[in-house]
């Protein structure tokens, strides 16, 4: 099962010009990893550890970069600008 806000181990099921299509082998849930966040060569069947989040249209997206804090965690961050 893909958990939003956490790191997930997902398998590459399709590679396109826009990015990688990932899937959880157990639940068959699909997540998209956009190309700008990938700089390495990947092959079908490779497993990646990715952070899963929702975009502004509630679509599942993935990132290879981990955030400062995951779901149900706390992190001390510095404010750099206030508008």
PDB file of N, CA and C in Angstrom:
ATOM      1  N   UNK A   1       0.844  -1.181   0.000  1.00  0.00           N
ATOM      2  CA  UNK A   1       0.000   0.000   0.000  1.00  0.00           C
ATOM      3  C   UNK A   1       0.891   1.247   0.000  1.00  0.00           C
ATOM      4  N   UNK A   2       0.595   2.170  -0.886  1.00  0.00           N
ATOM      5  CA  UNK A   2       1.331   3.432  -0.959  1.00  0.00           C
ATOM      6  C   UNK A   2       0.855   4.333   0.181  1.00  0.00           C
ATOM      7  N   UNK A   3       1.810   4.876   0.940  1.00  0.00           N
ATOM      8  CA  UNK A   3       1.474   5.755   2.059  1.00  0.00           C
ATOM      9  C   UNK A   3       1.908   7.176   1.700  1.00  0.00           C
ATOM     10  N   UNK A   4       0.930   8.083   1.595  1.00  0.00           N
ATOM     11  CA  UNK A   4       1.212   9.486   1.274  1.00  0.00           C
ATOM     12  C   UNK A   4       1.919  10.131   2.461  1.00  0.00           C
ATOM     13  N   UNK A   5       3.003  10.866   2.169  1.00  0.00           N
ATOM     14  CA  UNK A   5       3.746  11.545   3.218  1.00  0.00           C
ATOM     15  C   UNK A   5       4.869  10.721   3.812  1.00  0.00           C
ATOM     16  N   UNK A   6       5.093   9.533   3.269  1.00  0.00           N
ATOM     17  CA  UNK A   6       6.139   8.635   3.762  1.00  0.00           C
ATOM     18  C   UNK A   6       7.011   8.175   2.593  1.00  0.00           C
ATOM     19  N   UNK A   7       8.153   7.568   2.927  1.00  0.00           N
ATOM     20  CA  UNK A   7       9.008   6.952   1.917  1.00  0.00           C
ATOM     21  C   UNK A   7       8.425   5.584   1.583  1.00  0.00           C
ATOM     22  N   UNK A   8       8.358   5.268   0.285  1.00  0.00           N
ATOM     23  CA  UNK A   8       7.779   4.018  -0.191  1.00  0.00           C
ATOM     24  C   UNK A   8       8.752   3.315  -1.129  1.00  0.00           C
ATOM     25  N   UNK A   9       8.755   1.996  -1.106  1.00  0.00           N
ATOM     26  CA  UNK A   9       9.561   1.190  -2.017  1.00  0.00           C
ATOM     27  C   UNK A   9       8.646   0.788  -3.171  1.00  0.00           C
ATOM     28  N   UNK A  10       8.889   1.366  -4.375  1.00  0.00           N
ATOM     29  CA  UNK A  10       8.025   1.122  -5.527  1.00  0.00           C
ATOM     30  C   UNK A  10       8.833   0.615  -6.710  1.00  0.00           C
ATOM     31  N   UNK A  11       8.172  -0.114  -7.588  1.00  0.00           N
ATOM     32  CA  UNK A  11       8.815  -0.728  -8.753  1.00  0.00           C
ATOM     33  C   UNK A  11       8.493   0.052 -10.023  1.00  0.00           C
ATOM     34  N   UNK A  12       9.483   0.211 -10.901  1.00  0.00           N
ATOM     35  CA  UNK A  12       9.280   0.898 -12.184  1.00  0.00           C
ATOM     36  C   UNK A  12       8.531  -0.038 -13.123  1.00  0.00           C
ATOM     37  N   UNK A  13       7.360   0.420 -13.609  1.00  0.00           N
ATOM     38  CA  UNK A  13       6.553  -0.394 -14.516  1.00  0.00           C
ATOM     39  C   UNK A  13       6.522   0.164 -15.932  1.00  0.00           C
ATOM     40  N   UNK A  14       6.851   1.446 -16.089  1.00  0.00           N
ATOM     41  CA  UNK A  14       6.821   2.080 -17.418  1.00  0.00           C
ATOM     42  C   UNK A  14       7.749   3.294 -17.393  1.00  0.00           C
ATOM     43  N   UNK A  15       8.480   3.488 -18.480  1.00  0.00           N
ATOM     44  CA  UNK A  15       9.356   4.651 -18.614  1.00  0.00           C
ATOM     45  C   UNK A  15       8.883   5.455 -19.821  1.00  0.00           C
ATOM     46  N   UNK A  16       8.619   6.751 -19.600  1.00  0.00           N
ATOM     47  CA  UNK A  16       8.181   7.628 -20.689  1.00  0.00           C
ATOM     48  C   UNK A  16       9.090   8.848 -20.745  1.00  0.00           C
ATOM     49  N   UNK A  17       8.858   9.712 -21.714  1.00  0.00           N
ATOM     50  CA  UNK A  17       9.645  10.937 -21.835  1.00  0.00           C
ATOM     51  C   UNK A  17       9.367  11.904 -20.690  1.00  0.00           C
ATOM     52  N   UNK A  18       8.178  11.812 -20.094  1.00  0.00           N
ATOM     53  CA  UNK A  18       7.799  12.702 -19.002  1.00  0.00           C
ATOM     54  C   UNK A  18       8.326  12.227 -17.653  1.00  0.00           C
ATOM     55  N   UNK A  19       8.547  10.919 -17.495  1.00  0.00           N
ATOM     56  CA  UNK A  19       9.014  10.409 -16.213  1.00  0.00           C
ATOM     57  C   UNK A  19       8.826   8.918 -16.080  1.00  0.00           C
ATOM     58  N   UNK A  20       8.848   8.468 -14.839  1.00  0.00           N
ATOM     59  CA  UNK A  20       8.745   7.042 -14.536  1.00  0.00           C
ATOM     60  C   UNK A  20       7.392   6.745 -13.894  1.00  0.00           C
ATOM     61  N   UNK A  21       6.797   5.655 -14.317  1.00  0.00           N
ATOM     62  CA  UNK A  21       5.558   5.188 -13.702  1.00  0.00           C
ATOM     63  C   UNK A  21       5.944   4.090 -12.717  1.00  0.00           C
ATOM     64  N   UNK A  22       5.583   4.295 -11.462  1.00  0.00           N
ATOM     65  CA  UNK A  22       5.950   3.378 -10.394  1.00  0.00           C
ATOM     66  C   UNK A  22       4.700   2.696  -9.867  1.00  0.00           C
ATOM     67  N   UNK A  23       4.888   1.501  -9.313  1.00  0.00           N
ATOM     68  CA  UNK A  23       3.748   0.754  -8.785  1.00  0.00           C
ATOM     69  C   UNK A  23       4.159  -0.004  -7.535  1.00  0.00           C
ATOM     70  N   UNK A  24       3.246  -0.053  -6.598  1.00  0.00           N
ATOM     71  CA  UNK A  24       3.444  -0.874  -5.411  1.00  0.00           C
ATOM     72  C   UNK A  24       3.103  -2.309  -5.797  1.00  0.00           C
ATOM     73  N   UNK A  25       4.047  -3.246  -5.680  1.00  0.00           N
ATOM     74  CA  UNK A  25       3.790  -4.624  -6.102  1.00  0.00           C
ATOM     75  C   UNK A  25       2.634  -5.296  -5.364  1.00  0.00           C
ATOM     76  N   UNK A  26       2.382  -4.901  -4.122  1.00  0.00           N
ATOM     77  CA  UNK A  26       1.315  -5.551  -3.352  1.00  0.00           C
ATOM     78  C   UNK A  26      -0.065  -4.991  -3.661  1.00  0.00           C
ATOM     79  N   UNK A  27      -0.187  -3.662  -3.664  1.00  0.00           N
ATOM     80  CA  UNK A  27      -1.508  -3.042  -3.831  1.00  0.00           C
ATOM     81  C   UNK A  27      -1.816  -2.644  -5.267  1.00  0.00           C
ATOM     82  N   UNK A  28      -0.803  -2.667  -6.143  1.00  0.00           N
ATOM     83  CA  UNK A  28      -0.970  -2.281  -7.555  1.00  0.00           C
ATOM     84  C   UNK A  28      -1.302  -0.804  -7.725  1.00  0.00           C
ATOM     85  N   UNK A  29      -1.074   0.038  -6.686  1.00  0.00           N
ATOM     86  CA  UNK A  29      -1.306   1.472  -6.796  1.00  0.00           C
ATOM     87  C   UNK A  29      -0.191   2.102  -7.618  1.00  0.00           C
ATOM     88  N   UNK A  30      -0.542   3.042  -8.495  1.00  0.00           N
ATOM     89  CA  UNK A  30       0.430   3.689  -9.372  1.00  0.00           C
ATOM     90  C   UNK A  30       0.773   5.085  -8.893  1.00  0.00           C
ATOM     91  N   UNK A  31       2.040   5.460  -9.081  1.00  0.00           N
ATOM     92  CA  UNK A  31       2.545   6.778  -8.714  1.00  0.00           C
ATOM     93  C   UNK A  31       3.454   7.245  -9.849  1.00  0.00           C
ATOM     94  N   UNK A  32       3.452   8.553 -10.144  1.00  0.00           N
ATOM     95  CA  UNK A  32       4.278   9.099 -11.217  1.00  0.00           C
ATOM     96  C   UNK A  32       5.475   9.840 -10.637  1.00  0.00           C
ATOM     97  N   UNK A  33       6.651   9.575 -11.181  1.00  0.00           N
ATOM     98  CA  UNK A  33       7.886  10.269 -10.797  1.00  0.00           C
ATOM     99  C   UNK A  33       8.326  11.117 -11.985  1.00  0.00           C
ATOM    100  N   UNK A  34       8.131  12.451 -11.938  1.00  0.00           N
ATOM    101  CA  UNK A  34       8.506  13.315 -13.070  1.00  0.00           C
ATOM    102  C   UNK A  34      10.001  13.246 -13.366  1.00  0.00           C
ATOM    103  N   UNK A  35      10.360  13.422 -14.631  1.00  0.00           N
ATOM    104  CA  UNK A  35      11.756  13.329 -15.054  1.00  0.00           C
ATOM    105  C   UNK A  35      12.697  14.337 -14.425  1.00  0.00           C
ATOM    106  N   UNK A  36      12.333  15.589 -14.247  1.00  0.00           N
ATOM    107  CA  UNK A  36      13.308  16.525 -13.667  1.00  0.00           C
ATOM    108  C   UNK A  36      13.898  16.069 -12.339  1.00  0.00           C
ATOM    109  N   UNK A  37      13.183  15.230 -11.605  1.00  0.00           N
ATOM    110  CA  UNK A  37      13.708  14.777 -10.320  1.00  0.00           C
ATOM    111  C   UNK A  37      14.539  13.498 -10.454  1.00  0.00           C
ATOM    112  N   UNK A  38      14.742  13.028 -11.675  1.00  0.00           N
ATOM    113  CA  UNK A  38      15.557  11.833 -11.875  1.00  0.00           C
ATOM    114  C   UNK A  38      16.762  12.161 -12.737  1.00  0.00           C
ATOM    115  N   UNK A  39      17.934  11.752 -12.304  1.00  0.00           N
ATOM    116  CA  UNK A  39      19.144  12.024 -13.079  1.00  0.00           C
ATOM    117  C   UNK A  39      19.912  10.742 -13.377  1.00  0.00           C
ATOM    118  N   UNK A  40      19.402   9.625 -12.941  1.00  0.00           N
ATOM    119  CA  UNK A  40      20.072   8.347 -13.092  1.00  0.00           C
ATOM    120  C   UNK A  40      19.355   7.513 -14.149  1.00  0.00           C
ATOM    121  N   UNK A  41      20.076   6.577 -14.747  1.00  0.00           N
ATOM    122  CA  UNK A  41      19.471   5.640 -15.693  1.00  0.00           C
ATOM    123  C   UNK A  41      18.714   4.569 -14.912  1.00  0.00           C
ATOM    124  N   UNK A  42      17.478   4.298 -15.299  1.00  0.00           N
ATOM    125  CA  UNK A  42      16.665   3.287 -14.638  1.00  0.00           C
ATOM    126  C   UNK A  42      16.179   2.285 -15.667  1.00  0.00           C
ATOM    127  N   UNK A  43      15.842   1.090 -15.197  1.00  0.00           N
ATOM    128  CA  UNK A  43      15.322   0.033 -16.065  1.00  0.00           C
ATOM    129  C   UNK A  43      14.001  -0.470 -15.493  1.00  0.00           C
ATOM    130  N   UNK A  44      13.182  -1.060 -16.360  1.00  0.00           N
ATOM    131  CA  UNK A  44      11.928  -1.647 -15.904  1.00  0.00           C
ATOM    132  C   UNK A  44      12.221  -2.696 -14.844  1.00  0.00           C
ATOM    133  N   UNK A  45      11.430  -2.706 -13.796  1.00  0.00           N
ATOM    134  CA  UNK A  45      11.605  -3.668 -12.725  1.00  0.00           C
ATOM    135  C   UNK A  45      12.489  -3.185 -11.590  1.00  0.00           C
ATOM    136  N   UNK A  46      13.243  -2.095 -11.810  1.00  0.00           N
ATOM    137  CA  UNK A  46      14.057  -1.526 -10.723  1.00  0.00           C
ATOM    138  C   UNK A  46      13.140  -1.054  -9.600  1.00  0.00           C
ATOM    139  N   UNK A  47      13.602  -1.182  -8.367  1.00  0.00           N
ATOM    140  CA  UNK A  47      12.849  -0.675  -7.226  1.00  0.00           C
ATOM    141  C   UNK A  47      13.498   0.596  -6.712  1.00  0.00           C
ATOM    142  N   UNK A  48      12.670   1.595  -6.422  1.00  0.00           N
ATOM    143  CA  UNK A  48      13.141   2.887  -5.933  1.00  0.00           C
ATOM    144  C   UNK A  48      12.480   3.203  -4.601  1.00  0.00           C
ATOM    145  N   UNK A  49      13.227   3.852  -3.731  1.00  0.00           N
ATOM    146  CA  UNK A  49      12.658   4.380  -2.503  1.00  0.00           C
ATOM    147  C   UNK A  49      12.345   5.841  -2.761  1.00  0.00           C
ATOM    148  N   UNK A  50      11.064   6.201  -2.729  1.00  0.00           N
ATOM    149  CA  UNK A  50      10.620   7.545  -3.088  1.00  0.00           C
ATOM    150  C   UNK A  50       9.675   8.097  -2.024  1.00  0.00           C
ATOM    151  N   UNK A  51       9.623   9.433  -1.951  1.00  0.00           N
ATOM    152  CA  UNK A  51       8.653  10.133  -1.113  1.00  0.00           C
ATOM    153  C   UNK A  51       7.400  10.352  -1.948  1.00  0.00           C
ATOM    154  N   UNK A  52       6.240   9.981  -1.430  1.00  0.00           N
ATOM    155  CA  UNK A  52       4.979  10.107  -2.167  1.00  0.00           C
ATOM    156  C   UNK A  52       4.155  11.241  -1.568  1.00  0.00           C
ATOM    157  N   UNK A  53       3.626  12.087  -2.456  1.00  0.00           N
ATOM    158  CA  UNK A  53       2.812  13.234  -2.028  1.00  0.00           C
ATOM    159  C   UNK A  53       1.716  13.490  -3.052  1.00  0.00           C
ATOM    160  N   UNK A  54       0.782  14.370  -2.720  1.00  0.00           N
ATOM    161  CA  UNK A  54      -0.299  14.755  -3.633  1.00  0.00           C
ATOM    162  C   UNK A  54       0.026  16.098  -4.267  1.00  0.00           C
ATOM    163  N   UNK A  55      -0.233  16.225  -5.581  1.00  0.00           N
ATOM    164  CA  UNK A  55      -0.052  17.527  -6.228  1.00  0.00           C
ATOM    165  C   UNK A  55      -1.327  18.352  -6.043  1.00  0.00           C
ATOM    166  N   UNK A  56      -1.394  19.523  -6.688  1.00  0.00           N
ATOM    167  CA  UNK A  56      -2.545  20.421  -6.509  1.00  0.00           C
ATOM    168  C   UNK A  56      -3.833  19.871  -7.116  1.00  0.00           C
ATOM    169  N   UNK A  57      -3.746  18.785  -7.883  1.00  0.00           N
ATOM    170  CA  UNK A  57      -4.942  18.141  -8.456  1.00  0.00           C
ATOM    171  C   UNK A  57      -5.222  16.802  -7.779  1.00  0.00           C
ATOM    172  N   UNK A  58      -4.605  16.583  -6.635  1.00  0.00           N
ATOM    173  CA  UNK A  58      -4.758  15.349  -5.843  1.00  0.00           C
ATOM    174  C   UNK A  58      -4.278  14.095  -6.567  1.00  0.00           C
ATOM    175  N   UNK A  59      -3.323  14.261  -7.466  1.00  0.00           N
ATOM    176  CA  UNK A  59      -2.705  13.107  -8.125  1.00  0.00           C
ATOM    177  C   UNK A  59      -1.478  12.682  -7.324  1.00  0.00           C
ATOM    178  N   UNK A  60      -1.231  11.386  -7.255  1.00  0.00           N
ATOM    179  CA  UNK A  60      -0.066  10.880  -6.543  1.00  0.00           C
ATOM    180  C   UNK A  60       1.200  11.139  -7.341  1.00  0.00           C
ATOM    181  N   UNK A  61       2.174  11.802  -6.709  1.00  0.00           N
ATOM    182  CA  UNK A  61       3.478  12.045  -7.318  1.00  0.00           C
ATOM    183  C   UNK A  61       4.555  11.531  -6.384  1.00  0.00           C
ATOM    184  N   UNK A  62       5.737  11.290  -6.960  1.00  0.00           N
ATOM    185  CA  UNK A  62       6.858  10.796  -6.170  1.00  0.00           C
ATOM    186  C   UNK A  62       8.064  11.693  -6.379  1.00  0.00           C
ATOM    187  N   UNK A  63       8.961  11.671  -5.406  1.00  0.00           N
ATOM    188  CA  UNK A  63      10.225  12.395  -5.476  1.00  0.00           C
ATOM    189  C   UNK A  63      11.310  11.504  -4.888  1.00  0.00           C
ATOM    190  N   UNK A  64      12.493  11.531  -5.498  1.00  0.00           N
ATOM    191  CA  UNK A  64      13.602  10.760  -4.945  1.00  0.00           C
ATOM    192  C   UNK A  64      14.246  11.506  -3.772  1.00  0.00           C
ATOM    193  N   UNK A  65      13.907  12.762  -3.596  1.00  0.00           N
ATOM    194  CA  UNK A  65      14.438  13.558  -2.488  1.00  0.00           C
ATOM    195  C   UNK A  65      13.527  13.420  -1.267  1.00  0.00           C
ATOM    196  N   UNK A  66      14.135  13.161  -0.133  1.00  0.00           N
ATOM    197  CA  UNK A  66      13.369  13.040   1.111  1.00  0.00           C
ATOM    198  C   UNK A  66      13.149  14.428   1.711  1.00  0.00           C
ATOM    199  N   UNK A  67      11.987  14.691   2.274  1.00  0.00           N
ATOM    200  CA  UNK A  67      11.730  15.978   2.921  1.00  0.00           C
ATOM    201  C   UNK A  67      12.412  16.044   4.290  1.00  0.00           C
ATOM    202  N   UNK A  68      12.379  17.205   4.923  1.00  0.00           N
ATOM    203  CA  UNK A  68      12.954  17.365   6.257  1.00  0.00           C
ATOM    204  C   UNK A  68      12.228  16.501   7.280  1.00  0.00           C
ATOM    205  N   UNK A  69      10.913  16.365   7.123  1.00  0.00           N
ATOM    206  CA  UNK A  69      10.124  15.558   8.047  1.00  0.00           C
ATOM    207  C   UNK A  69       9.065  14.802   7.248  1.00  0.00           C
ATOM    208  N   UNK A  70       8.801  13.597   7.686  1.00  0.00           N
ATOM    209  CA  UNK A  70       7.771  12.773   7.064  1.00  0.00           C
ATOM    210  C   UNK A  70       6.470  12.928   7.836  1.00  0.00           C
ATOM    211  N   UNK A  71       5.420  12.302   7.345  1.00  0.00           N
ATOM    212  CA  UNK A  71       4.126  12.314   8.006  1.00  0.00           C
ATOM    213  C   UNK A  71       4.285  11.847   9.451  1.00  0.00           C
ATOM    214  N   UNK A  72       3.659  12.545  10.377  1.00  0.00           N
ATOM    215  CA  UNK A  72       3.694  12.245  11.815  1.00  0.00           C
ATOM    216  C   UNK A  72       5.058  12.485  12.453  1.00  0.00           C
ATOM    217  N   UNK A  73       5.916  13.272  11.817  1.00  0.00           N
ATOM    218  CA  UNK A  73       7.213  13.636  12.385  1.00  0.00           C
ATOM    219  C   UNK A  73       7.283  15.158  12.525  1.00  0.00           C
ATOM    220  N   UNK A  74       8.240  15.616  13.301  1.00  0.00           N
ATOM    221  CA  UNK A  74       8.470  17.040  13.486  1.00  0.00           C
ATOM    222  C   UNK A  74       9.878  17.381  13.033  1.00  0.00           C
ATOM    223  N   UNK A  75      10.075  18.621  12.574  1.00  0.00           N
ATOM    224  CA  UNK A  75      11.403  19.080  12.197  1.00  0.00           C
ATOM    225  C   UNK A  75      11.523  20.567  12.537  1.00  0.00           C
ATOM    226  N   UNK A  76      12.688  20.943  12.966  1.00  0.00           N
ATOM    227  CA  UNK A  76      12.977  22.336  13.248  1.00  0.00           C
ATOM    228  C   UNK A  76      13.512  22.949  11.962  1.00  0.00           C
ATOM    229  N   UNK A  77      12.824  23.954  11.442  1.00  0.00           N
ATOM    230  CA  UNK A  77      13.259  24.611  10.199  1.00  0.00           C
ATOM    231  C   UNK A  77      13.388  26.106  10.452  1.00  0.00           C
ATOM    232  N   UNK A  78      14.260  26.737   9.692  1.00  0.00           N
ATOM    233  CA  UNK A  78      14.508  28.177   9.839  1.00  0.00           C
ATOM    234  C   UNK A  78      13.634  28.939   8.830  1.00  0.00           C
ATOM    235  N   UNK A  79      12.981  29.987   9.296  1.00  0.00           N
ATOM    236  CA  UNK A  79      12.199  30.864   8.415  1.00  0.00           C
ATOM    237  C   UNK A  79      13.182  31.762   7.685  1.00  0.00           C
ATOM    238  N   UNK A  80      13.118  31.775   6.358  1.00  0.00           N
ATOM    239  CA  UNK A  80      14.037  32.596   5.583  1.00  0.00           C
ATOM    240  C   UNK A  80      13.380  33.824   4.996  1.00  0.00           C
ATOM    241  N   UNK A  81      12.043  33.845   4.927  1.00  0.00           N
ATOM    242  CA  UNK A  81      11.356  34.998   4.370  1.00  0.00           C
ATOM    243  C   UNK A  81       9.897  34.999   4.805  1.00  0.00           C
ATOM    244  N   UNK A  82       9.365  36.173   5.084  1.00  0.00           N
ATOM    245  CA  UNK A  82       7.962  36.327   5.413  1.00  0.00           C
ATOM    246  C   UNK A  82       7.380  37.374   4.481  1.00  0.00           C
ATOM    247  N   UNK A  83       6.246  37.072   3.890  1.00  0.00           N
ATOM    248  CA  UNK A  83       5.626  38.028   2.954  1.00  0.00           C
ATOM    249  C   UNK A  83       4.459  38.734   3.591  1.00  0.00           C
TER     250      UNK A  83
END
